[in-house]
Amino acid sequence: MMKKLENVTTKATLIPNLEVADSIQTRGVGLLGRSSLAEDQALWILRCNSIHTFFMKFAIDCVFVDKNLKVKAVYRNVKPWRLVLPVWGASSVVEMASGVSSKLNINVGDQLNVGA
C-alpha cells in the first residue's frame, strides 16, 4: 500500500508515492534492481540507520529520521558503490532520486509525517 510523505514544518506534501520497506525481504532488497526512481517516488526503509549503494544503478538522496520522523541527516547525491555509516539517533531512512531532497527543501530538524 502506497503512503505519502509530508513535511509538517513547511506544510507541504513531499512524496505522493511512498513505498514502505518493513519486512526483512523488502528492507534487504531496497532499491536494488531498479534502473531509476521518479521524482514523486521514494522508499522508506524502517529500522535502518545506515545504507549502502553497492550494485545500485543510480545516485540517491537519503533522508535519515528518528522514531518521531524528525530529520536527523540528509545525504545528497549518494552515488553507487558508497556506504553511509550509521546516523546517530536515526531509526529509518527515506531514499529518493538524487536532487529531490534539495528541490523539496528537506533540512535537518524538519518534522515529517507519513500519511495514508
PDB file of N, CA and C in Angstrom:
ATOM      1  N   MET A   1       0.837  -1.190   0.000  1.00  0.00           N
ATOM      2  CA  MET A   1       0.000   0.000   0.000  1.00  0.00           C
ATOM      3  C   MET A   1       0.882   1.255   0.000  1.00  0.00           C
ATOM      4  N   MET A   2       0.566   2.170  -0.892  1.00  0.00           N
ATOM      5  CA  MET A   2       1.349   3.389  -1.039  1.00  0.00           C
ATOM      6  C   MET A   2       0.954   4.420   0.016  1.00  0.00           C
ATOM      7  N   LYS A   3       1.943   5.104   0.563  1.00  0.00           N
ATOM      8  CA  LYS A   3       1.729   6.169   1.546  1.00  0.00           C
ATOM      9  C   LYS A   3       2.169   7.479   0.910  1.00  0.00           C
ATOM     10  N   LYS A   4       2.077   8.565   1.685  1.00  0.00           N
ATOM     11  CA  LYS A   4       2.641   9.826   1.207  1.00  0.00           C
ATOM     12  C   LYS A   4       3.470  10.455   2.315  1.00  0.00           C
ATOM     13  N   LEU A   5       4.544  11.131   1.896  1.00  0.00           N
ATOM     14  CA  LEU A   5       5.450  11.779   2.833  1.00  0.00           C
ATOM     15  C   LEU A   5       5.158  13.273   2.842  1.00  0.00           C
ATOM     16  N   GLU A   6       4.954  13.802   4.049  1.00  0.00           N
ATOM     17  CA  GLU A   6       4.624  15.214   4.206  1.00  0.00           C
ATOM     18  C   GLU A   6       5.652  15.877   5.110  1.00  0.00           C
ATOM     19  N   ASN A   7       5.853  17.184   4.900  1.00  0.00           N
ATOM     20  CA  ASN A   7       6.715  17.976   5.774  1.00  0.00           C
ATOM     21  C   ASN A   7       5.799  18.823   6.641  1.00  0.00           C
ATOM     22  N   VAL A   8       5.705  18.478   7.925  1.00  0.00           N
ATOM     23  CA  VAL A   8       4.851  19.207   8.862  1.00  0.00           C
ATOM     24  C   VAL A   8       5.387  20.629   9.044  1.00  0.00           C
ATOM     25  N   THR A   9       6.718  20.768   9.037  1.00  0.00           N
ATOM     26  CA  THR A   9       7.355  22.065   9.239  1.00  0.00           C
ATOM     27  C   THR A   9       6.939  23.066   8.167  1.00  0.00           C
ATOM     28  N   THR A  10       6.935  22.626   6.895  1.00  0.00           N
ATOM     29  CA  THR A  10       6.611  23.540   5.790  1.00  0.00           C
ATOM     30  C   THR A  10       5.192  23.335   5.260  1.00  0.00           C
ATOM     31  N   LYS A  11       4.448  22.395   5.867  1.00  0.00           N
ATOM     32  CA  LYS A  11       3.073  22.086   5.453  1.00  0.00           C
ATOM     33  C   LYS A  11       2.980  21.730   3.962  1.00  0.00           C
ATOM     34  N   ALA A  12       3.911  20.897   3.508  1.00  0.00           N
ATOM     35  CA  ALA A  12       3.947  20.507   2.098  1.00  0.00           C
ATOM     36  C   ALA A  12       3.941  18.991   1.954  1.00  0.00           C
ATOM     37  N   THR A  13       3.252  18.506   0.901  1.00  0.00           N
ATOM     38  CA  THR A  13       3.366  17.099   0.535  1.00  0.00           C
ATOM     39  C   THR A  13       4.653  16.957  -0.254  1.00  0.00           C
ATOM     40  N   LEU A  14       5.540  16.098   0.212  1.00  0.00           N
ATOM     41  CA  LEU A  14       6.843  15.931  -0.425  1.00  0.00           C
ATOM     42  C   LEU A  14       6.824  14.836  -1.477  1.00  0.00           C
ATOM     43  N   ILE A  15       6.404  13.653  -1.066  1.00  0.00           N
ATOM     44  CA  ILE A  15       6.417  12.474  -1.942  1.00  0.00           C
ATOM     45  C   ILE A  15       5.031  11.849  -1.909  1.00  0.00           C
ATOM     46  N   PRO A  16       4.271  11.936  -3.010  1.00  0.00           N
ATOM     47  CA  PRO A  16       2.929  11.350  -3.010  1.00  0.00           C
ATOM     48  C   PRO A  16       2.912   9.820  -3.138  1.00  0.00           C
ATOM     49  N   ASN A  17       4.018   9.238  -3.595  1.00  0.00           N
ATOM     50  CA  ASN A  17       4.087   7.784  -3.790  1.00  0.00           C
ATOM     51  C   ASN A  17       5.240   7.205  -2.975  1.00  0.00           C
ATOM     52  N   LEU A  18       4.963   6.973  -1.690  1.00  0.00           N
ATOM     53  CA  LEU A  18       5.979   6.469  -0.772  1.00  0.00           C
ATOM     54  C   LEU A  18       5.771   4.979  -0.538  1.00  0.00           C
ATOM     55  N   GLU A  19       6.759   4.182  -0.932  1.00  0.00           N
ATOM     56  CA  GLU A  19       6.735   2.746  -0.644  1.00  0.00           C
ATOM     57  C   GLU A  19       7.331   2.533   0.737  1.00  0.00           C
ATOM     58  N   VAL A  20       6.835   1.536   1.452  1.00  0.00           N
ATOM     59  CA  VAL A  20       7.352   1.232   2.776  1.00  0.00           C
ATOM     60  C   VAL A  20       8.017  -0.143   2.751  1.00  0.00           C
ATOM     61  N   ALA A  21       9.286  -0.178   3.140  1.00  0.00           N
ATOM     62  CA  ALA A  21      10.022  -1.438   3.243  1.00  0.00           C
ATOM     63  C   ALA A  21      10.080  -1.797   4.725  1.00  0.00           C
ATOM     64  N   ASP A  22       9.225  -2.730   5.119  1.00  0.00           N
ATOM     65  CA  ASP A  22       9.124  -3.065   6.541  1.00  0.00           C
ATOM     66  C   ASP A  22       9.348  -4.541   6.841  1.00  0.00           C
ATOM     67  N   SER A  23       9.587  -5.343   5.825  1.00  0.00           N
ATOM     68  CA  SER A  23       9.866  -6.766   6.056  1.00  0.00           C
ATOM     69  C   SER A  23      11.354  -7.013   5.814  1.00  0.00           C
ATOM     70  N   ILE A  24      11.834  -8.148   6.270  1.00  0.00           N
ATOM     71  CA  ILE A  24      13.243  -8.486   6.061  1.00  0.00           C
ATOM     72  C   ILE A  24      13.568  -8.465   4.575  1.00  0.00           C
ATOM     73  N   GLN A  25      12.668  -9.013   3.761  1.00  0.00           N
ATOM     74  CA  GLN A  25      12.922  -9.073   2.317  1.00  0.00           C
ATOM     75  C   GLN A  25      12.922  -7.692   1.676  1.00  0.00           C
ATOM     76  N   THR A  26      11.894  -6.882   1.924  1.00  0.00           N
ATOM     77  CA  THR A  26      11.826  -5.562   1.277  1.00  0.00           C
ATOM     78  C   THR A  26      12.923  -4.630   1.781  1.00  0.00           C
ATOM     79  N   ARG A  27      13.290  -4.748   3.059  1.00  0.00           N
ATOM     80  CA  ARG A  27      14.375  -3.933   3.598  1.00  0.00           C
ATOM     81  C   ARG A  27      15.709  -4.354   3.002  1.00  0.00           C
ATOM     82  N   GLY A  28      15.894  -5.655   2.806  1.00  0.00           N
ATOM     83  CA  GLY A  28      17.150  -6.162   2.255  1.00  0.00           C
ATOM     84  C   GLY A  28      17.345  -5.805   0.797  1.00  0.00           C
ATOM     85  N   VAL A  29      16.273  -5.826   0.035  1.00  0.00           N
ATOM     86  CA  VAL A  29      16.353  -5.522  -1.395  1.00  0.00           C
ATOM     87  C   VAL A  29      16.429  -4.021  -1.633  1.00  0.00           C
ATOM     88  N   GLY A  30      15.630  -3.242  -0.903  1.00  0.00           N
ATOM     89  CA  GLY A  30      15.652  -1.795  -1.080  1.00  0.00           C
ATOM     90  C   GLY A  30      15.385  -1.401  -2.519  1.00  0.00           C
ATOM     91  N   LEU A  31      16.273  -0.583  -3.076  1.00  0.00           N
ATOM     92  CA  LEU A  31      16.125  -0.114  -4.458  1.00  0.00           C
ATOM     93  C   LEU A  31      16.963  -0.921  -5.446  1.00  0.00           C
ATOM     94  N   LEU A  32      17.594  -2.010  -4.971  1.00  0.00           N
ATOM     95  CA  LEU A  32      18.419  -2.825  -5.862  1.00  0.00           C
ATOM     96  C   LEU A  32      17.580  -3.389  -7.004  1.00  0.00           C
ATOM     97  N   GLY A  33      18.140  -3.416  -8.180  1.00  0.00           N
ATOM     98  CA  GLY A  33      17.459  -3.959  -9.342  1.00  0.00           C
ATOM     99  C   GLY A  33      16.670  -2.914 -10.119  1.00  0.00           C
ATOM    100  N   ARG A  34      16.478  -1.745  -9.553  1.00  0.00           N
ATOM    101  CA  ARG A  34      15.768  -0.684 -10.280  1.00  0.00           C
ATOM    102  C   ARG A  34      16.788   0.148 -11.056  1.00  0.00           C
ATOM    103  N   SER A  35      16.334   0.687 -12.188  1.00  0.00           N
ATOM    104  CA  SER A  35      17.241   1.500 -13.001  1.00  0.00           C
ATOM    105  C   SER A  35      17.077   2.986 -12.724  1.00  0.00           C
ATOM    106  N   SER A  36      15.979   3.357 -12.055  1.00  0.00           N
ATOM    107  CA  SER A  36      15.762   4.764 -11.723  1.00  0.00           C
ATOM    108  C   SER A  36      14.625   4.863 -10.716  1.00  0.00           C
ATOM    109  N   LEU A  37      14.363   6.085 -10.278  1.00  0.00           N
ATOM    110  CA  LEU A  37      13.274   6.367  -9.346  1.00  0.00           C
ATOM    111  C   LEU A  37      12.689   7.713  -9.765  1.00  0.00           C
ATOM    112  N   ALA A  38      11.381   7.767  -9.948  1.00  0.00           N
ATOM    113  CA  ALA A  38      10.731   9.016 -10.342  1.00  0.00           C
ATOM    114  C   ALA A  38      10.805  10.026  -9.196  1.00  0.00           C
ATOM    115  N   GLU A  39      10.712  11.310  -9.529  1.00  0.00           N
ATOM    116  CA  GLU A  39      10.807  12.357  -8.511  1.00  0.00           C
ATOM    117  C   GLU A  39       9.675  12.309  -7.499  1.00  0.00           C
ATOM    118  N   ASP A  40       8.538  11.716  -7.878  1.00  0.00           N
ATOM    119  CA  ASP A  40       7.396  11.654  -6.951  1.00  0.00           C
ATOM    120  C   ASP A  40       7.342  10.335  -6.189  1.00  0.00           C
ATOM    121  N   GLN A  41       8.429   9.547  -6.269  1.00  0.00           N
ATOM    122  CA  GLN A  41       8.508   8.256  -5.587  1.00  0.00           C
ATOM    123  C   GLN A  41       9.655   8.265  -4.580  1.00  0.00           C
ATOM    124  N   ALA A  42       9.501   7.462  -3.534  1.00  0.00           N
ATOM    125  CA  ALA A  42      10.583   7.255  -2.568  1.00  0.00           C
ATOM    126  C   ALA A  42      10.351   5.927  -1.864  1.00  0.00           C
ATOM    127  N   LEU A  43      11.387   5.445  -1.207  1.00  0.00           N
ATOM    128  CA  LEU A  43      11.305   4.215  -0.434  1.00  0.00           C
ATOM    129  C   LEU A  43      11.678   4.536   1.005  1.00  0.00           C
ATOM    130  N   TRP A  44      10.767   4.211   1.928  1.00  0.00           N
ATOM    131  CA  TRP A  44      11.000   4.423   3.358  1.00  0.00           C
ATOM    132  C   TRP A  44      11.407   3.084   3.951  1.00  0.00           C
ATOM    133  N   ILE A  45      12.656   2.975   4.396  1.00  0.00           N
ATOM    134  CA  ILE A  45      13.168   1.724   4.956  1.00  0.00           C
ATOM    135  C   ILE A  45      13.139   1.834   6.475  1.00  0.00           C
ATOM    136  N   LEU A  46      12.305   1.011   7.091  1.00  0.00           N
ATOM    137  CA  LEU A  46      12.161   1.032   8.553  1.00  0.00           C
ATOM    138  C   LEU A  46      13.309   0.286   9.221  1.00  0.00           C
ATOM    139  N   ARG A  47      13.573   0.634  10.482  1.00  0.00           N
ATOM    140  CA  ARG A  47      14.631   0.009  11.278  1.00  0.00           C
ATOM    141  C   ARG A  47      15.956   0.008  10.512  1.00  0.00           C
ATOM    142  N   CYS A  48      16.387   1.212  10.118  1.00  0.00           N
ATOM    143  CA  CYS A  48      17.587   1.341   9.298  1.00  0.00           C
ATOM    144  C   CYS A  48      18.250   2.683   9.592  1.00  0.00           C
ATOM    145  N   ASN A  49      19.511   2.659  10.045  1.00  0.00           N
ATOM    146  CA  ASN A  49      20.198   3.923  10.302  1.00  0.00           C
ATOM    147  C   ASN A  49      21.491   4.077   9.500  1.00  0.00           C
ATOM    148  N   SER A  50      21.717   3.156   8.559  1.00  0.00           N
ATOM    149  CA  SER A  50      22.845   3.269   7.635  1.00  0.00           C
ATOM    150  C   SER A  50      22.458   2.559   6.341  1.00  0.00           C
ATOM    151  N   ILE A  51      23.081   2.962   5.243  1.00  0.00           N
ATOM    152  CA  ILE A  51      22.741   2.326   3.960  1.00  0.00           C
ATOM    153  C   ILE A  51      24.014   2.120   3.146  1.00  0.00           C
ATOM    154  N   HIS A  52      23.882   1.299   2.108  1.00  0.00           N
ATOM    155  CA  HIS A  52      24.944   1.177   1.106  1.00  0.00           C
ATOM    156  C   HIS A  52      24.282   1.264  -0.262  1.00  0.00           C
ATOM    157  N   THR A  53      25.076   1.643  -1.245  1.00  0.00           N
ATOM    158  CA  THR A  53      24.555   1.710  -2.611  1.00  0.00           C
ATOM    159  C   THR A  53      25.328   0.753  -3.524  1.00  0.00           C
ATOM    160  N   PHE A  54      25.849  -0.327  -2.934  1.00  0.00           N
ATOM    161  CA  PHE A  54      26.534  -1.341  -3.727  1.00  0.00           C
ATOM    162  C   PHE A  54      25.539  -1.942  -4.722  1.00  0.00           C
ATOM    163  N   PHE A  55      25.972  -2.128  -5.952  1.00  0.00           N
ATOM    164  CA  PHE A  55      25.171  -2.715  -7.036  1.00  0.00           C
ATOM    165  C   PHE A  55      24.025  -1.817  -7.504  1.00  0.00           C
ATOM    166  N   MET A  56      23.938  -0.592  -7.005  1.00  0.00           N
ATOM    167  CA  MET A  56      22.880   0.317  -7.464  1.00  0.00           C
ATOM    168  C   MET A  56      23.253   0.861  -8.843  1.00  0.00           C
ATOM    169  N   LYS A  57      22.218   1.291  -9.587  1.00  0.00           N
ATOM    170  CA  LYS A  57      22.434   1.791 -10.943  1.00  0.00           C
ATOM    171  C   LYS A  57      22.303   3.306 -11.038  1.00  0.00           C
ATOM    172  N   PHE A  58      21.988   3.975  -9.909  1.00  0.00           N
ATOM    173  CA  PHE A  58      21.786   5.423  -9.946  1.00  0.00           C
ATOM    174  C   PHE A  58      22.044   6.018  -8.569  1.00  0.00           C
ATOM    175  N   ALA A  59      22.309   7.324  -8.537  1.00  0.00           N
ATOM    176  CA  ALA A  59      22.550   8.031  -7.278  1.00  0.00           C
ATOM    177  C   ALA A  59      21.218   8.346  -6.599  1.00  0.00           C
ATOM    178  N   ILE A  60      21.250   8.466  -5.266  1.00  0.00           N
ATOM    179  CA  ILE A  60      20.035   8.750  -4.490  1.00  0.00           C
ATOM    180  C   ILE A  60      20.323   9.808  -3.430  1.00  0.00           C
ATOM    181  N   ASP A  61      19.260  10.399  -2.927  1.00  0.00           N
ATOM    182  CA  ASP A  61      19.312  11.226  -1.724  1.00  0.00           C
ATOM    183  C   ASP A  61      18.761  10.388  -0.590  1.00  0.00           C
ATOM    184  N   CYS A  62      19.348  10.513   0.594  1.00  0.00           N
ATOM    185  CA  CYS A  62      18.933   9.742   1.762  1.00  0.00           C
ATOM    186  C   CYS A  62      18.576  10.695   2.895  1.00  0.00           C
ATOM    187  N   VAL A  63      17.344  10.590   3.383  1.00  0.00           N
ATOM    188  CA  VAL A  63      16.880  11.428   4.487  1.00  0.00           C
ATOM    189  C   VAL A  63      16.690  10.512   5.694  1.00  0.00           C
ATOM    190  N   PHE A  64      17.570  10.653   6.675  1.00  0.00           N
ATOM    191  CA  PHE A  64      17.508   9.834   7.878  1.00  0.00           C
ATOM    192  C   PHE A  64      16.642  10.535   8.916  1.00  0.00           C
ATOM    193  N   VAL A  65      15.709   9.787   9.515  1.00  0.00           N
ATOM    194  CA  VAL A  65      14.790  10.348  10.506  1.00  0.00           C
ATOM    195  C   VAL A  65      14.809   9.518  11.784  1.00  0.00           C
ATOM    196  N   ASP A  66      14.427  10.156  12.899  1.00  0.00           N
ATOM    197  CA  ASP A  66      14.335   9.427  14.163  1.00  0.00           C
ATOM    198  C   ASP A  66      12.963   8.759  14.270  1.00  0.00           C
ATOM    199  N   LYS A  67      12.690   8.156  15.419  1.00  0.00           N
ATOM    200  CA  LYS A  67      11.431   7.407  15.576  1.00  0.00           C
ATOM    201  C   LYS A  67      10.200   8.307  15.472  1.00  0.00           C
ATOM    202  N   ASN A  68      10.369   9.613  15.677  1.00  0.00           N
ATOM    203  CA  ASN A  68       9.258  10.564  15.561  1.00  0.00           C
ATOM    204  C   ASN A  68       9.215  11.244  14.192  1.00  0.00           C
ATOM    205  N   LEU A  69      10.060  10.773  13.269  1.00  0.00           N
ATOM    206  CA  LEU A  69      10.170  11.295  11.901  1.00  0.00           C
ATOM    207  C   LEU A  69      10.746  12.708  11.822  1.00  0.00           C
ATOM    208  N   LYS A  70      11.584  13.047  12.778  1.00  0.00           N
ATOM    209  CA  LYS A  70      12.312  14.319  12.711  1.00  0.00           C
ATOM    210  C   LYS A  70      13.606  14.055  11.952  1.00  0.00           C
ATOM    211  N   VAL A  71      13.929  14.926  10.991  1.00  0.00           N
ATOM    212  CA  VAL A  71      15.098  14.717  10.138  1.00  0.00           C
ATOM    213  C   VAL A  71      16.385  14.875  10.946  1.00  0.00           C
ATOM    214  N   LYS A  72      17.198  13.814  10.949  1.00  0.00           N
ATOM    215  CA  LYS A  72      18.476  13.805  11.662  1.00  0.00           C
ATOM    216  C   LYS A  72      19.652  14.125  10.725  1.00  0.00           C
ATOM    217  N   ALA A  73      19.554  13.705   9.464  1.00  0.00           N
ATOM    218  CA  ALA A  73      20.635  13.933   8.495  1.00  0.00           C
ATOM    219  C   ALA A  73      20.082  13.795   7.085  1.00  0.00           C
ATOM    220  N   VAL A  74      20.680  14.539   6.171  1.00  0.00           N
ATOM    221  CA  VAL A  74      20.327  14.440   4.753  1.00  0.00           C
ATOM    222  C   VAL A  74      21.626  14.229   3.980  1.00  0.00           C
ATOM    223  N   TYR A  75      21.702  13.138   3.249  1.00  0.00           N
ATOM    224  CA  TYR A  75      22.853  12.854   2.396  1.00  0.00           C
ATOM    225  C   TYR A  75      22.368  13.002   0.957  1.00  0.00           C
ATOM    226  N   ARG A  76      22.973  13.942   0.241  1.00  0.00           N
ATOM    227  CA  ARG A  76      22.539  14.231  -1.126  1.00  0.00           C
ATOM    228  C   ARG A  76      23.486  13.603  -2.146  1.00  0.00           C
ATOM    229  N   ASN A  77      22.906  13.119  -3.239  1.00  0.00           N
ATOM    230  CA  ASN A  77      23.655  12.583  -4.375  1.00  0.00           C
ATOM    231  C   ASN A  77      24.641  11.484  -3.964  1.00  0.00           C
ATOM    232  N   VAL A  78      24.128  10.480  -3.248  1.00  0.00           N
ATOM    233  CA  VAL A  78      24.950   9.325  -2.853  1.00  0.00           C
ATOM    234  C   VAL A  78      25.071   8.416  -4.076  1.00  0.00           C
ATOM    235  N   LYS A  79      26.262   8.354  -4.621  1.00  0.00           N
ATOM    236  CA  LYS A  79      26.492   7.611  -5.860  1.00  0.00           C
ATOM    237  C   LYS A  79      26.562   6.098  -5.593  1.00  0.00           C
ATOM    238  N   PRO A  80      26.404   5.308  -6.656  1.00  0.00           N
ATOM    239  CA  PRO A  80      26.556   3.855  -6.496  1.00  0.00           C
ATOM    240  C   PRO A  80      27.920   3.492  -5.904  1.00  0.00           C
ATOM    241  N   TRP A  81      27.951   2.369  -5.188  1.00  0.00           N
ATOM    242  CA  TRP A  81      29.149   1.821  -4.571  1.00  0.00           C
ATOM    243  C   TRP A  81      29.654   2.670  -3.402  1.00  0.00           C
ATOM    244  N   ARG A  82      28.729   3.275  -2.666  1.00  0.00           N
ATOM    245  CA  ARG A  82      29.088   4.063  -1.496  1.00  0.00           C
ATOM    246  C   ARG A  82      28.467   3.446  -0.244  1.00  0.00           C
ATOM    247  N   LEU A  83      28.981   3.865   0.912  1.00  0.00           N
ATOM    248  CA  LEU A  83      28.484   3.405   2.205  1.00  0.00           C
ATOM    249  C   LEU A  83      28.211   4.644   3.056  1.00  0.00           C
ATOM    250  N   VAL A  84      27.020   4.710   3.636  1.00  0.00           N
ATOM    251  CA  VAL A  84      26.700   5.770   4.591  1.00  0.00           C
ATOM    252  C   VAL A  84      26.688   5.116   5.964  1.00  0.00           C
ATOM    253  N   LEU A  85      27.608   5.546   6.804  1.00  0.00           N
ATOM    254  CA  LEU A  85      27.744   4.962   8.138  1.00  0.00           C
ATOM    255  C   LEU A  85      26.532   5.299   9.005  1.00  0.00           C
ATOM    256  N   PRO A  86      26.346   4.570  10.103  1.00  0.00           N
ATOM    257  CA  PRO A  86      25.168   4.805  10.942  1.00  0.00           C
ATOM    258  C   PRO A  86      25.021   6.275  11.376  1.00  0.00           C
ATOM    259  N   VAL A  87      23.793   6.757  11.297  1.00  0.00           N
ATOM    260  CA  VAL A  87      23.462   8.119  11.698  1.00  0.00           C
ATOM    261  C   VAL A  87      22.936   8.064  13.129  1.00  0.00           C
ATOM    262  N   TRP A  88      23.590   8.775  14.034  1.00  0.00           N
ATOM    263  CA  TRP A  88      23.233   8.777  15.448  1.00  0.00           C
ATOM    264  C   TRP A  88      21.794   9.244  15.627  1.00  0.00           C
ATOM    265  N   GLY A  89      20.969   8.431  16.275  1.00  0.00           N
ATOM    266  CA  GLY A  89      19.596   8.795  16.578  1.00  0.00           C
ATOM    267  C   GLY A  89      18.595   8.481  15.492  1.00  0.00           C
ATOM    268  N   ALA A  90      19.062   8.058  14.322  1.00  0.00           N
ATOM    269  CA  ALA A  90      18.135   7.741  13.225  1.00  0.00           C
ATOM    270  C   ALA A  90      17.561   6.339  13.406  1.00  0.00           C
ATOM    271  N   SER A  91      16.286   6.173  13.049  1.00  0.00           N
ATOM    272  CA  SER A  91      15.667   4.846  13.138  1.00  0.00           C
ATOM    273  C   SER A  91      15.164   4.359  11.781  1.00  0.00           C
ATOM    274  N   SER A  92      15.123   5.248  10.791  1.00  0.00           N
ATOM    275  CA  SER A  92      14.722   4.841   9.442  1.00  0.00           C
ATOM    276  C   SER A  92      15.269   5.849   8.438  1.00  0.00           C
ATOM    277  N   VAL A  93      15.157   5.495   7.164  1.00  0.00           N
ATOM    278  CA  VAL A  93      15.675   6.355   6.094  1.00  0.00           C
ATOM    279  C   VAL A  93      14.687   6.377   4.940  1.00  0.00           C
ATOM    280  N   VAL A  94      14.562   7.540   4.320  1.00  0.00           N
ATOM    281  CA  VAL A  94      13.758   7.690   3.100  1.00  0.00           C
ATOM    282  C   VAL A  94      14.744   7.906   1.964  1.00  0.00           C
ATOM    283  N   GLU A  95      14.699   6.999   0.981  1.00  0.00           N
ATOM    284  CA  GLU A  95      15.573   7.097  -0.178  1.00  0.00           C
ATOM    285  C   GLU A  95      14.770   7.640  -1.349  1.00  0.00           C
ATOM    286  N   MET A  96      15.324   8.661  -2.014  1.00  0.00           N
ATOM    287  CA  MET A  96      14.642   9.294  -3.145  1.00  0.00           C
ATOM    288  C   MET A  96      15.651   9.585  -4.238  1.00  0.00           C
ATOM    289  N   ALA A  97      15.162   9.950  -5.403  1.00  0.00           N
ATOM    290  CA  ALA A  97      16.047  10.242  -6.527  1.00  0.00           C
ATOM    291  C   ALA A  97      16.998  11.379  -6.167  1.00  0.00           C
ATOM    292  N   SER A  98      18.190  11.317  -6.708  1.00  0.00           N
ATOM    293  CA  SER A  98      19.193  12.346  -6.442  1.00  0.00           C
ATOM    294  C   SER A  98      18.676  13.721  -6.861  1.00  0.00           C
ATOM    295  N   GLY A  99      18.854  14.695  -5.975  1.00  0.00           N
ATOM    296  CA  GLY A  99      18.412  16.058  -6.249  1.00  0.00           C
ATOM    297  C   GLY A  99      17.052  16.406  -5.688  1.00  0.00           C
ATOM    298  N   VAL A 100      16.258  15.397  -5.360  1.00  0.00           N
ATOM    299  CA  VAL A 100      14.887  15.629  -4.902  1.00  0.00           C
ATOM    300  C   VAL A 100      14.859  16.268  -3.508  1.00  0.00           C
ATOM    301  N   SER A 101      15.742  15.861  -2.609  1.00  0.00           N
ATOM    302  CA  SER A 101      15.711  16.431  -1.259  1.00  0.00           C
ATOM    303  C   SER A 101      16.029  17.931  -1.289  1.00  0.00           C
ATOM    304  N   SER A 102      16.908  18.349  -2.190  1.00  0.00           N
ATOM    305  CA  SER A 102      17.210  19.782  -2.342  1.00  0.00           C
ATOM    306  C   SER A 102      16.024  20.513  -2.956  1.00  0.00           C
ATOM    307  N   LYS A 103      15.455  19.920  -3.997  1.00  0.00           N
ATOM    308  CA  LYS A 103      14.312  20.531  -4.680  1.00  0.00           C
ATOM    309  C   LYS A 103      13.133  20.705  -3.719  1.00  0.00           C
ATOM    310  N   LEU A 104      12.959  19.734  -2.812  1.00  0.00           N
ATOM    311  CA  LEU A 104      11.856  19.784  -1.844  1.00  0.00           C
ATOM    312  C   LEU A 104      12.238  20.545  -0.577  1.00  0.00           C
ATOM    313  N   ASN A 105      13.495  20.994  -0.506  1.00  0.00           N
ATOM    314  CA  ASN A 105      13.981  21.790   0.622  1.00  0.00           C
ATOM    315  C   ASN A 105      13.837  21.050   1.957  1.00  0.00           C
ATOM    316  N   ILE A 106      14.263  19.777   1.980  1.00  0.00           N
ATOM    317  CA  ILE A 106      14.239  18.979   3.206  1.00  0.00           C
ATOM    318  C   ILE A 106      15.533  19.240   3.967  1.00  0.00           C
ATOM    319  N   ASN A 107      15.400  19.634   5.236  1.00  0.00           N
ATOM    320  CA  ASN A 107      16.568  20.001   6.035  1.00  0.00           C
ATOM    321  C   ASN A 107      16.557  19.309   7.398  1.00  0.00           C
ATOM    322  N   VAL A 108      17.743  19.192   7.991  1.00  0.00           N
ATOM    323  CA  VAL A 108      17.865  18.644   9.341  1.00  0.00           C
ATOM    324  C   VAL A 108      16.987  19.471  10.274  1.00  0.00           C
ATOM    325  N   GLY A 109      16.218  18.784  11.112  1.00  0.00           N
ATOM    326  CA  GLY A 109      15.318  19.437  12.051  1.00  0.00           C
ATOM    327  C   GLY A 109      13.871  19.502  11.568  1.00  0.00           C
ATOM    328  N   ASP A 110      13.645  19.291  10.265  1.00  0.00           N
ATOM    329  CA  ASP A 110      12.268  19.286   9.754  1.00  0.00           C
ATOM    330  C   ASP A 110      11.490  18.141  10.371  1.00  0.00           C
ATOM    331  N   GLN A 111      10.228  18.379  10.637  1.00  0.00           N
ATOM    332  CA  GLN A 111       9.332  17.341  11.165  1.00  0.00           C
ATOM    333  C   GLN A 111       8.531  16.777   9.999  1.00  0.00           C
ATOM    334  N   LEU A 112       8.723  15.492   9.720  1.00  0.00           N
ATOM    335  CA  LEU A 112       7.999  14.841   8.638  1.00  0.00           C
ATOM    336  C   LEU A 112       6.846  14.029   9.188  1.00  0.00           C
ATOM    337  N   ASN A 113       5.969  13.602   8.294  1.00  0.00           N
ATOM    338  CA  ASN A 113       4.829  12.774   8.648  1.00  0.00           C
ATOM    339  C   ASN A 113       4.543  11.838   7.488  1.00  0.00           C
ATOM    340  N   VAL A 114       4.146  10.615   7.790  1.00  0.00           N
ATOM    341  CA  VAL A 114       3.734   9.673   6.756  1.00  0.00           C
ATOM    342  C   VAL A 114       2.239   9.467   6.915  1.00  0.00           C
ATOM    343  N   GLY A 115       1.513   9.768   5.832  1.00  0.00           N
ATOM    344  CA  GLY A 115       0.060   9.635   5.835  1.00  0.00           C
ATOM    345  C   GLY A 115      -0.394   8.594   4.842  1.00  0.00           C
ATOM    346  N   ALA A 116      -1.673   8.279   4.903  1.00  0.00           N
ATOM    347  CA  ALA A 116      -2.255   7.267   4.013  1.00  0.00           C
ATOM    348  C   ALA A 116      -2.415   7.806   2.606  1.00  0.00           C
TER     349      ALA A 116
END
